[in-house]
N, C-alpha and C. Protein backbone atom coordinates (compact mmCIF):
# COMPACT_ATOMS: atom_id res chain seq x y z
N UNK A 1 -2.69 14.04 -0.18
CA UNK A 1 -3.53 12.57 -0.35
C UNK A 1 -4.72 12.24 0.31
N UNK A 2 -5.66 12.37 -0.53
CA UNK A 2 -6.94 12.21 -0.25
C UNK A 2 -7.17 10.78 -1.27
N UNK A 3 -7.25 9.94 0.05
CA UNK A 3 -7.93 8.44 -0.77
C UNK A 3 -9.95 8.60 -0.53
N UNK A 4 -10.63 8.32 -1.61
CA UNK A 4 -11.92 8.13 -1.23
C UNK A 4 -12.39 6.34 -1.22
N UNK A 5 -12.83 5.68 -0.09
CA UNK A 5 -12.30 4.37 -0.31
C UNK A 5 -13.96 4.09 -1.44
N UNK A 6 -14.49 4.54 -1.05
CA UNK A 6 -16.09 4.48 -1.83
C UNK A 6 -15.73 3.88 -3.52
N UNK A 7 -15.29 5.18 -4.03
CA UNK A 7 -14.87 4.85 -5.62
C UNK A 7 -13.58 4.34 -5.63
N UNK A 8 -12.45 3.36 -4.65
CA UNK A 8 -11.22 3.14 -4.78
C UNK A 8 -10.75 3.94 -5.88
N UNK A 9 -10.37 5.42 -5.17
CA UNK A 9 -10.01 6.17 -6.12
C UNK A 9 -8.56 7.02 -4.92
N UNK A 10 -7.63 7.79 -5.45
CA UNK A 10 -6.78 8.57 -5.02
C UNK A 10 -6.73 9.95 -5.46
N UNK A 11 -6.92 10.92 -4.66
CA UNK A 11 -6.33 11.65 -5.35
C UNK A 11 -5.02 12.77 -4.50
N UNK A 12 -3.87 12.50 -5.82
CA UNK A 12 -2.51 12.97 -5.09
C UNK A 12 -2.04 13.82 -6.35
N UNK A 13 -1.59 15.45 -5.97
CA UNK A 13 -0.88 16.20 -6.02
C UNK A 13 -1.47 16.66 -7.61
N UNK A 14 -3.11 16.61 -7.17
CA UNK A 14 -4.71 17.02 -7.61
C UNK A 14 -4.77 16.46 -9.25
N UNK A 15 -4.01 15.28 -9.07
CA UNK A 15 -4.28 13.93 -10.21
C UNK A 15 -4.97 12.81 -9.27
N UNK A 16 -5.90 12.18 -10.05
CA UNK A 16 -7.42 11.14 -9.75
C UNK A 16 -6.38 9.72 -10.28
N UNK A 17 -6.09 8.87 -9.42
CA UNK A 17 -5.91 7.90 -9.69
C UNK A 17 -6.91 6.65 -9.23
N UNK A 18 -6.97 5.91 -9.76
CA UNK A 18 -7.86 4.21 -9.52
C UNK A 18 -6.99 3.05 -9.47
N UNK A 19 -7.46 2.30 -7.91
CA UNK A 19 -6.46 1.20 -8.37
C UNK A 19 -7.19 0.63 -8.06
N UNK A 20 -6.79 -0.98 -8.27
CA UNK A 20 -7.36 -2.57 -8.59
C UNK A 20 -7.44 -2.95 -6.50
N UNK A 21 -7.81 -3.59 -6.62
CA UNK A 21 -8.36 -3.43 -4.81
C UNK A 21 -7.32 -3.66 -4.11
N UNK A 22 -6.37 -4.52 -4.22
CA UNK A 22 -5.12 -5.24 -3.21
C UNK A 22 -4.09 -3.76 -3.78
N UNK A 23 -3.81 -3.08 -4.49
CA UNK A 23 -2.69 -2.02 -4.09
C UNK A 23 -3.79 -0.66 -3.61
N UNK A 24 -5.12 -0.70 -3.61
CA UNK A 24 -6.01 0.01 -2.92
C UNK A 24 -6.08 -0.19 -1.76
N UNK A 25 -6.19 -1.50 -1.50
CA UNK A 25 -6.24 -1.65 -0.01
C UNK A 25 -4.42 -1.77 1.16
N UNK A 26 -3.66 -2.34 -0.15
CA UNK A 26 -2.30 -1.47 1.04
C UNK A 26 -1.63 -0.17 1.21
N UNK A 27 -2.17 0.34 -0.23
CA UNK A 27 -1.98 1.73 -0.14
C UNK A 27 -3.04 2.72 1.22
N UNK A 28 -4.13 2.07 1.51
CA UNK A 28 -4.91 3.03 2.16
C UNK A 28 -4.72 2.37 3.58
N UNK A 29 -4.31 1.24 3.98
CA UNK A 29 -3.74 0.68 5.26
C UNK A 29 -2.45 1.28 6.02
N UNK A 30 -1.18 1.67 4.40
CA UNK A 30 -0.04 2.25 4.63
C UNK A 30 -0.42 3.78 5.48
N UNK A 31 -1.25 4.85 4.79
CA UNK A 31 -1.88 5.95 4.45
C UNK A 31 -2.57 6.29 5.99
N UNK A 32 -3.26 5.07 6.48
CA UNK A 32 -3.84 5.15 8.00
C UNK A 32 -2.77 5.30 9.28
N UNK A 33 -1.96 4.92 9.09
CA UNK A 33 -1.22 5.29 10.21
C UNK A 33 0.25 5.76 9.63
N UNK A 34 0.31 7.27 9.11
CA UNK A 34 1.50 7.61 8.46
C UNK A 34 2.58 7.78 9.45
N UNK A 35 3.84 7.26 9.51
CA UNK A 35 5.04 6.80 9.60
C UNK A 35 5.72 6.11 10.50
N UNK A 36 4.38 4.61 11.02
CA UNK A 36 4.07 3.66 11.53
C UNK A 36 4.83 2.65 10.29
N UNK A 37 5.78 1.60 10.51
CA UNK A 37 5.99 0.62 10.04
C UNK A 37 5.11 -0.52 10.10
N UNK A 38 4.37 -1.30 9.03
CA UNK A 38 3.56 -2.18 8.49
C UNK A 38 4.71 -3.03 8.67
N UNK A 39 4.94 -4.53 9.63
CA UNK A 39 5.45 -5.63 8.59
C UNK A 39 5.37 -6.27 8.13
N UNK A 40 5.74 -7.02 7.33
CA UNK A 40 4.85 -7.69 5.95
C UNK A 40 3.81 -9.07 7.04
N UNK A 41 4.20 -9.51 7.00
CA UNK A 41 3.65 -9.93 8.38
C UNK A 41 2.44 -9.42 8.49
N UNK A 42 2.03 -8.71 9.05
CA UNK A 42 0.97 -8.18 9.16
C UNK A 42 0.00 -7.49 8.11
N UNK A 43 0.95 -7.15 7.09
CA UNK A 43 0.31 -6.84 5.86
C UNK A 43 -0.61 -7.82 4.97
N UNK A 44 0.29 -9.04 5.14
CA UNK A 44 -0.66 -9.90 4.63
C UNK A 44 -1.57 -10.66 5.19
N UNK A 45 -1.72 -10.53 6.48
CA UNK A 45 -2.75 -11.01 6.85
C UNK A 45 -4.33 -9.84 6.90
N UNK A 46 -3.67 -8.83 7.03
CA UNK A 46 -4.55 -7.86 6.90
C UNK A 46 -5.22 -7.36 5.54
N UNK A 47 -4.32 -7.98 4.58
CA UNK A 47 -5.09 -7.15 2.64
C UNK A 47 -5.08 -8.73 2.53
N UNK A 48 -4.82 -10.34 2.94
CA UNK A 48 -5.32 -11.46 2.26
C UNK A 48 -5.72 -12.06 3.36
N UNK A 49 -5.69 -11.88 4.11
CA UNK A 49 -6.12 -13.50 5.30
C UNK A 49 -5.21 -14.15 5.49
N UNK A 50 -5.77 -14.45 6.92
CA UNK A 50 -4.54 -15.72 7.39
C UNK A 50 -5.06 -17.06 6.31
N UNK A 51 -6.23 -17.23 5.32
CA UNK A 51 -6.61 -18.51 4.09
C UNK A 51 -5.96 -18.76 3.55
N UNK A 52 -5.44 -17.02 2.75
CA UNK A 52 -4.98 -16.99 1.38
C UNK A 52 -3.22 -17.86 1.60
N UNK A 53 -2.65 -18.20 -0.17
CA UNK A 53 -1.46 -18.39 0.84
C UNK A 53 -1.26 -17.39 -0.76
N UNK A 54 -0.08 -16.62 -0.30
CA UNK A 54 0.71 -15.64 -1.81
C UNK A 54 2.10 -16.17 -1.56
N UNK A 55 2.79 -15.42 -2.45
CA UNK A 55 4.25 -15.87 -2.74
C UNK A 55 4.47 -14.75 -1.40
N UNK A 56 5.77 -14.73 -1.51
CA UNK A 56 6.87 -14.32 -0.53
C UNK A 56 6.72 -12.50 -1.21
N UNK A 57 7.04 -12.33 -2.79
CA UNK A 57 7.07 -11.31 -3.14
C UNK A 57 6.18 -10.37 -3.36
N UNK A 58 4.66 -10.59 -2.78
CA UNK A 58 4.07 -10.48 -3.46
C UNK A 58 3.64 -9.23 -3.40
N UNK A 59 3.59 -8.66 -2.02
CA UNK A 59 3.78 -7.14 -1.68
C UNK A 59 4.79 -6.24 -2.47
N UNK A 60 6.18 -7.16 -2.10
CA UNK A 60 7.04 -6.17 -3.18
C UNK A 60 6.35 -5.64 -4.82
N UNK A 61 5.54 -6.80 -5.17
CA UNK A 61 5.23 -6.00 -6.64
C UNK A 61 4.22 -5.12 -6.00
N UNK A 62 2.93 -5.44 -5.55
CA UNK A 62 1.99 -4.18 -5.64
C UNK A 62 2.42 -3.28 -4.62
N UNK A 63 4.08 -2.82 -4.29
CA UNK A 63 4.54 -1.51 -3.58
C UNK A 63 4.67 -1.02 -4.68
N UNK A 64 5.70 -1.55 -5.65
CA UNK A 64 6.20 -1.56 -7.08
C UNK A 64 5.41 -0.64 -7.51
N UNK A 65 3.51 -0.89 -8.38
CA UNK A 65 2.97 -1.39 -8.97
C UNK A 65 2.55 0.73 -8.12
N UNK A 66 2.12 0.38 -6.76
CA UNK A 66 1.54 1.76 -6.05
C UNK A 66 2.48 3.20 -6.53
N UNK A 67 3.82 2.65 -6.42
CA UNK A 67 5.21 3.71 -6.77
C UNK A 67 5.21 4.30 -7.52
N UNK A 68 5.03 3.51 -8.74
CA UNK A 68 5.04 3.88 -10.67
C UNK A 68 3.61 4.37 -10.85
N UNK A 69 2.46 4.34 -10.22
CA UNK A 69 1.20 5.23 -10.18
C UNK A 69 1.43 6.32 -9.72
N UNK A 70 1.59 6.47 -8.65
CA UNK A 70 1.88 7.89 -7.79
C UNK A 70 3.91 8.49 -7.81
N UNK A 71 4.54 7.86 -8.47
CA UNK A 71 5.77 8.61 -8.53
C UNK A 71 5.95 9.07 -7.44
N UNK A 72 6.09 8.31 -6.27
CA UNK A 72 6.18 8.64 -4.78
C UNK A 72 7.15 7.97 -3.48
N UNK A 73 8.11 8.57 -3.24
CA UNK A 73 8.97 7.73 -2.56
C UNK A 73 8.79 7.92 -0.83
N UNK A 74 7.00 8.20 -1.07
CA UNK A 74 6.57 8.21 0.65
C UNK A 74 6.58 7.58 1.28
N UNK A 75 6.42 5.78 0.30
CA UNK A 75 6.31 4.79 0.70
C UNK A 75 7.84 4.36 0.37
N UNK A 76 8.42 3.79 1.72
CA UNK A 76 9.43 3.50 2.12
C UNK A 76 9.76 2.34 2.31
N UNK A 77 10.41 1.29 1.88
CA UNK A 77 11.08 0.16 2.61
C UNK A 77 11.78 0.44 3.68
N UNK A 78 11.38 -0.65 4.73
CA UNK A 78 12.07 -1.12 5.87
C UNK A 78 13.24 -2.32 5.48
N UNK A 79 14.03 -2.77 5.32
CA UNK A 79 14.58 -3.59 5.16
C UNK A 79 14.62 -4.80 5.47
N UNK A 80 13.98 -6.04 5.23
CA UNK A 80 13.57 -7.37 6.48
C UNK A 80 12.80 -6.51 6.92
N UNK A 81 12.01 -5.97 7.48
CA UNK A 81 10.95 -5.80 7.77
C UNK A 81 9.51 -5.40 7.58
N UNK A 82 9.20 -4.08 7.09
CA UNK A 82 8.25 -4.03 5.84
C UNK A 82 8.56 -2.71 5.34
N UNK A 83 7.03 -2.10 5.26
CA UNK A 83 6.77 -1.08 4.92
C UNK A 83 6.03 0.14 5.46
N UNK A 84 6.43 1.50 5.10
CA UNK A 84 5.68 2.52 5.98
C UNK A 84 5.49 3.83 5.00
N UNK A 85 4.15 4.86 5.17
CA UNK A 85 4.27 6.40 4.22
C UNK A 85 4.70 7.32 5.33
N UNK A 86 5.29 7.38 4.45
CA UNK A 86 6.24 9.19 5.24
C UNK A 86 5.20 10.17 5.12
N UNK A 87 4.71 11.12 5.60
CA UNK A 87 4.05 11.73 5.79
C UNK A 87 5.19 13.24 5.33
């Protein structure tokens, strides 16, 4: 997987994907440290900051959309904790 931060696009399995900003930021965060579990609170802080209030299931929706686009099981849910990208 290659991530182009200037064009907000991802190249995965020879296909180019363009993501909306928040999906792209979440994917970039997860891929930045493969196999590391990012806690939900950490994802909220890094992507939305402490000033923006979002719903409890917001991250789940974004993760589902990322998975639908990439068709990959590389983004793993750690129940009750958060998410990780497996290499």
